């Protein structure tokens, strides 16, 4: 029997390794993942630099996870042939807690995932991403860490999801995201497509009201329907900044408000 063992041992190892090799050779689950810049909500006021660092880290970590052939930032056009097997990730910050000496901080996120081809909702998930509270943890450190951790939340949310089994989006649903992440029939060719407006102010942390409704605080990237809108940006101690703007479907615009202090 001792002579037989060396003969079968290599064969057993080969059979054990076969499933691992097959798993590694499987193609990515999605063709493309498009990561849109997250926006502020519920009164959060993360800076544009924080948003950029967060989203850049999210893209990098999603690439490492390898659930897609490629991971790109918003504004990249997905070929029509890949649209049905590609997704768009949109998200917003719902709360931010800095934490303390003995308590970790946390960043609340809400994420919506859509299929690129028809904007059908694939998954919605919410979570609080903890991070170590420390004086050394500046915005960049926190943004990069929480962005990377959010990639694992996305992977978990997509676990077991088969895009081909997701029902088509209802008639009239917007087939495009602001920034033109769809195939050749992009948002800019559709009069019903939403516009993407980046609101900022000096100083930051001002409240944004669109057509009389609270929409967030500066800086924020906000999706808006085409047409004429009344915009008010206000902060205590400063004169309100009020404008009437007209935007087109699929348009991307930056709107910066210079707030004047209230005179004593």
Protein backbone atom coordinates (compact mmCIF):
# COMPACT_ATOMS: atom_id res chain seq x y z
CA UNK A 1 0.00 0.00 0.00
CA UNK A 2 2.87 2.41 0.75
CA UNK A 3 3.90 2.31 -2.90
CA UNK A 4 0.41 3.33 -4.02
CA UNK A 5 0.27 6.53 -1.94
CA UNK A 6 2.83 8.51 -3.99
CA UNK A 7 0.91 7.63 -7.15
CA UNK A 8 -2.46 8.91 -5.92
CA UNK A 9 -1.23 11.91 -3.88
CA UNK A 10 -0.42 14.13 -6.92
CA UNK A 11 -3.76 13.15 -8.47
CA UNK A 12 -5.62 14.09 -5.27
CA UNK A 13 -3.87 17.45 -5.12
CA UNK A 14 -4.71 18.10 -8.76
CA UNK A 15 -8.39 17.32 -8.22
CA UNK A 16 -8.48 19.55 -5.12
CA UNK A 17 -6.93 22.45 -7.03
CA UNK A 18 -9.27 22.11 -10.01
CA UNK A 19 -12.28 23.88 -8.39
CA UNK A 20 -10.04 26.77 -7.33
CA UNK A 21 -8.66 27.16 -10.84
CA UNK A 22 -12.14 27.05 -12.30
CA UNK A 23 -13.29 29.71 -9.84
CA UNK A 24 -10.36 32.01 -10.67
CA UNK A 25 -11.04 31.62 -14.40
CA UNK A 26 -14.67 32.75 -14.11
CA UNK A 27 -15.36 36.03 -15.95
CA UNK A 28 -16.26 39.13 -13.88
CA UNK A 29 -19.91 39.42 -12.89
CA UNK A 30 -20.37 42.78 -14.65
CA UNK A 31 -18.91 44.38 -17.76
CA UNK A 32 -18.59 47.86 -16.28
CA UNK A 33 -19.34 49.56 -12.97
CA UNK A 34 -19.82 53.32 -13.19
CA UNK A 35 -19.31 55.16 -9.89
CA UNK A 36 -21.07 58.50 -9.68
CA UNK A 37 -19.96 61.11 -7.18
CA UNK A 38 -21.86 60.80 -3.92
CA UNK A 39 -23.89 63.78 -2.73
CA UNK A 40 -24.71 65.33 0.64
CA UNK A 41 -28.15 64.83 2.18
CA UNK A 42 -29.93 65.20 5.52
CA UNK A 43 -27.85 68.27 6.29
CA UNK A 44 -24.44 66.60 5.84
CA UNK A 45 -21.79 68.89 4.39
CA UNK A 46 -18.83 66.84 3.23
CA UNK A 47 -16.44 68.94 1.17
CA UNK A 48 -15.87 68.35 -2.53
CA UNK A 49 -12.36 67.12 -1.71
CA UNK A 50 -13.84 64.56 0.72
CA UNK A 51 -16.29 63.41 -1.97
CA UNK A 52 -13.50 63.09 -4.53
CA UNK A 53 -11.23 61.10 -2.20
CA UNK A 54 -14.13 58.87 -1.16
CA UNK A 55 -15.21 58.05 -4.72
CA UNK A 56 -11.64 57.56 -5.95
CA UNK A 57 -11.04 55.04 -3.15
CA UNK A 58 -14.36 53.32 -3.92
CA UNK A 59 -13.31 52.91 -7.56
CA UNK A 60 -9.86 51.56 -6.64
CA UNK A 61 -11.24 49.01 -4.18
CA UNK A 62 -13.96 47.84 -6.57
CA UNK A 63 -11.23 47.24 -9.14
CA UNK A 64 -9.33 45.10 -6.62
CA UNK A 65 -12.44 43.08 -5.81
CA UNK A 66 -12.72 42.25 -9.53
CA UNK A 67 -16.48 41.85 -9.83
CA UNK A 68 -16.42 43.87 -13.06
CA UNK A 69 -14.32 44.03 -16.19
CA UNK A 70 -13.69 47.69 -15.45
CA UNK A 71 -14.67 50.33 -12.90
CA UNK A 72 -14.93 53.93 -14.12
CA UNK A 73 -15.91 57.38 -12.89
CA UNK A 74 -19.09 59.15 -13.94
CA UNK A 75 -19.09 60.64 -17.42
CA UNK A 76 -17.66 57.53 -19.11
CA UNK A 77 -19.87 56.19 -21.89
CA UNK A 78 -20.68 52.48 -21.67
CA UNK A 79 -20.88 50.77 -25.10
CA UNK A 80 -24.38 49.66 -26.08
CA UNK A 81 -23.25 46.04 -26.30
CA UNK A 82 -22.18 46.10 -22.62
CA UNK A 83 -25.02 48.21 -21.17
CA UNK A 84 -27.28 45.31 -20.14
CA UNK A 85 -24.41 43.76 -18.18
CA UNK A 86 -23.22 46.99 -16.55
CA UNK A 87 -24.33 48.94 -13.50
CA UNK A 88 -24.29 52.49 -12.17
CA UNK A 89 -23.67 53.18 -8.47
CA UNK A 90 -25.24 56.33 -7.06
CA UNK A 91 -25.05 57.29 -3.40
CA UNK A 92 -25.43 59.96 -0.79
CA UNK A 93 -24.10 60.67 2.66
CA UNK A 94 -26.90 60.54 5.22
CA UNK A 95 -24.97 61.35 8.39
CA UNK A 96 -21.47 61.89 9.71
CA UNK A 97 -20.27 61.34 13.26
CA UNK A 98 -16.69 62.27 14.15
CA UNK A 99 -16.66 60.01 17.20
CA UNK A 100 -14.54 60.65 20.26
CA UNK A 101 -11.65 59.42 22.32
CA UNK A 102 -13.24 56.04 23.05
CA UNK A 103 -15.90 55.90 20.32
CA UNK A 104 -15.35 55.35 16.59
CA UNK A 105 -16.72 57.76 14.06
CA UNK A 106 -19.18 56.68 11.38
CA UNK A 107 -20.28 57.76 7.93
CA UNK A 108 -23.86 56.97 6.93
CA UNK A 109 -24.33 56.05 3.27
CA UNK A 110 -27.33 55.22 1.11
CA UNK A 111 -26.58 53.50 -2.18
CA UNK A 112 -28.75 52.90 -5.24
CA UNK A 113 -27.55 50.56 -7.97
CA UNK A 114 -29.07 50.69 -11.46
CA UNK A 115 -28.65 48.72 -14.67
CA UNK A 116 -27.11 50.96 -17.31
CA UNK A 117 -29.24 49.84 -20.25
CA UNK A 118 -32.64 50.89 -18.87
CA UNK A 119 -32.04 52.43 -15.41
CA UNK A 120 -33.85 49.52 -13.75
CA UNK A 121 -33.22 49.56 -10.00
CA UNK A 122 -31.01 46.62 -9.09
CA UNK A 123 -30.46 47.15 -5.38
CA UNK A 124 -30.71 49.74 -2.62
CA UNK A 125 -28.64 49.46 0.53
CA UNK A 126 -27.89 51.62 3.56
CA UNK A 127 -25.16 51.34 6.15
CA UNK A 128 -23.01 53.16 8.67
CA UNK A 129 -19.33 52.79 7.86
CA UNK A 130 -17.22 53.04 11.04
CA UNK A 131 -13.77 54.58 11.13
CA UNK A 132 -11.17 55.14 13.83
CA UNK A 133 -11.54 58.53 15.46
CA UNK A 134 -8.15 60.21 15.79
CA UNK A 135 -6.73 63.73 15.48
CA UNK A 136 -4.44 62.31 12.80
CA UNK A 137 -7.43 61.21 10.72
CA UNK A 138 -7.98 64.19 8.46
CA UNK A 139 -10.72 64.35 5.82
CA UNK A 140 -8.50 62.60 3.27
CA UNK A 141 -7.78 59.64 5.57
CA UNK A 142 -11.40 59.21 6.58
CA UNK A 143 -12.69 59.59 3.01
CA UNK A 144 -10.25 57.07 1.57
CA UNK A 145 -10.88 54.53 4.33
CA UNK A 146 -14.68 54.77 4.21
CA UNK A 147 -14.66 54.75 0.40
CA UNK A 148 -12.68 51.51 0.39
CA UNK A 149 -14.98 49.94 2.98
CA UNK A 150 -18.04 50.95 0.97
CA UNK A 151 -16.75 48.81 -1.90
CA UNK A 152 -17.29 45.73 0.27
CA UNK A 153 -20.82 46.90 1.06
CA UNK A 154 -21.48 47.11 -2.67
CA UNK A 155 -20.10 43.63 -3.21
CA UNK A 156 -22.29 42.24 -0.42
CA UNK A 157 -25.37 44.01 -1.81
CA UNK A 158 -24.74 42.50 -5.24
CA UNK A 159 -24.16 38.99 -3.92
CA UNK A 160 -26.43 36.59 -5.78
CA UNK A 161 -27.83 39.32 -8.06
CA UNK A 162 -28.35 38.30 -11.69
CA UNK A 163 -28.87 41.34 -13.91
CA UNK A 164 -30.75 39.31 -16.51
CA UNK A 165 -33.39 38.47 -13.89
CA UNK A 166 -34.04 42.12 -12.97
CA UNK A 167 -37.39 43.24 -14.48
CA UNK A 168 -37.24 46.02 -17.08
CA UNK A 169 -37.61 49.57 -15.81
CA UNK A 170 -41.20 50.92 -15.96
CA UNK A 171 -42.15 52.85 -19.12
CA UNK A 172 -41.02 56.46 -18.92
CA UNK A 173 -38.16 55.75 -16.52
CA UNK A 174 -35.06 57.79 -17.26
CA UNK A 175 -32.67 55.50 -19.19
CA UNK A 176 -29.66 57.65 -18.41
CA UNK A 177 -27.76 59.03 -15.47
CA UNK A 178 -26.45 62.57 -15.43
CA UNK A 179 -22.95 62.49 -16.85
CA UNK A 180 -23.91 60.20 -19.74
CA UNK A 181 -23.13 56.72 -18.45
CA UNK A 182 -25.42 55.03 -20.94
CA UNK A 183 -24.77 53.63 -24.41
CA UNK A 184 -25.04 55.71 -27.57
CA UNK A 185 -28.60 56.77 -26.68
CA UNK A 186 -27.24 59.11 -24.02
CA UNK A 187 -29.01 61.42 -21.64
CA UNK A 188 -28.08 64.42 -23.70
CA UNK A 189 -30.24 63.21 -26.57
CA UNK A 190 -33.34 62.88 -24.38
CA UNK A 191 -35.32 66.00 -23.43
CA UNK A 192 -36.63 64.20 -20.32
CA UNK A 193 -33.17 63.39 -18.93
CA UNK A 194 -32.19 65.00 -15.64
CA UNK A 195 -29.42 67.57 -15.34
CA UNK A 196 -26.51 67.41 -12.90
CA UNK A 197 -25.75 70.62 -11.00
CA UNK A 198 -22.81 70.98 -8.62
CA UNK A 199 -23.71 73.56 -5.97
CA UNK A 200 -20.97 75.23 -3.94
CA UNK A 201 -20.68 78.32 -1.79
CA UNK A 202 -18.18 80.49 0.00
CA UNK A 203 -18.43 79.84 2.91
CA UNK A 204 -19.50 76.20 2.67
CA UNK A 205 -22.30 74.58 4.66
CA UNK A 206 -25.08 76.76 3.28
CA UNK A 207 -28.57 75.34 2.80
CA UNK A 208 -29.82 74.81 -0.75
CA UNK A 209 -33.49 75.28 -1.59
CA UNK A 210 -34.79 74.49 -5.07
CA UNK A 211 -38.26 75.77 -5.95
CA UNK A 212 -38.82 76.35 -2.24
CA UNK A 213 -37.87 72.82 -1.15
CA UNK A 214 -34.79 71.95 0.89
CA UNK A 215 -32.32 70.01 -1.31
CA UNK A 216 -29.16 69.71 0.80
CA UNK A 217 -26.20 71.84 1.78
CA UNK A 218 -23.14 73.06 -0.05
CA UNK A 219 -21.20 71.47 -1.57
CA UNK A 220 -23.65 69.05 -3.19
CA UNK A 221 -24.17 67.44 -6.58
CA UNK A 222 -27.92 67.50 -7.23
CA UNK A 223 -29.99 65.97 -10.02
CA UNK A 224 -32.65 68.31 -11.41
CA UNK A 225 -35.39 68.09 -13.99
CA UNK A 226 -34.95 70.26 -17.08
CA UNK A 227 -36.66 73.62 -17.05
CA UNK A 228 -36.58 76.86 -15.06
CA UNK A 229 -35.96 76.65 -11.32
CA UNK A 230 -35.68 79.06 -8.43
CA UNK A 231 -32.54 78.49 -6.35
CA UNK A 232 -31.83 79.90 -2.89
CA UNK A 233 -28.58 79.34 -1.01
CA UNK A 234 -28.63 80.64 2.56
CA UNK A 235 -26.48 80.53 5.69
CA UNK A 236 -26.93 82.20 9.06
CA UNK A 237 -25.07 85.50 9.21
CA UNK A 238 -25.06 85.93 5.42
CA UNK A 239 -27.40 87.45 2.88
CA UNK A 240 -29.37 84.82 0.89
CA UNK A 241 -28.16 84.12 -2.64
CA UNK A 242 -31.19 83.80 -4.93
CA UNK A 243 -31.17 83.04 -8.64
CA UNK A 244 -33.47 81.74 -11.37
CA UNK A 245 -31.74 79.17 -13.57
CA UNK A 246 -32.77 77.33 -16.72
CA UNK A 247 -31.23 73.94 -17.38
CA UNK A 248 -31.50 71.38 -20.17
CA UNK A 249 -31.81 67.61 -19.96
CA UNK A 250 -28.43 65.91 -19.59
CA UNK A 251 -26.66 69.17 -18.83
CA UNK A 252 -23.84 69.35 -16.27
CA UNK A 253 -23.28 72.69 -14.57
CA UNK A 254 -21.38 74.22 -11.67
CA UNK A 255 -23.17 76.86 -9.61
CA UNK A 256 -21.05 78.79 -7.12
CA UNK A 257 -22.52 81.29 -4.64
CA UNK A 258 -20.43 84.03 -3.04
CA UNK A 259 -22.29 84.85 0.17
CA UNK A 260 -22.11 88.36 1.53
CA UNK A 261 -22.02 88.83 5.34
CA UNK A 262 -25.04 90.55 6.85
CA UNK A 263 -24.07 94.10 7.76
CA UNK A 264 -24.47 94.95 11.45
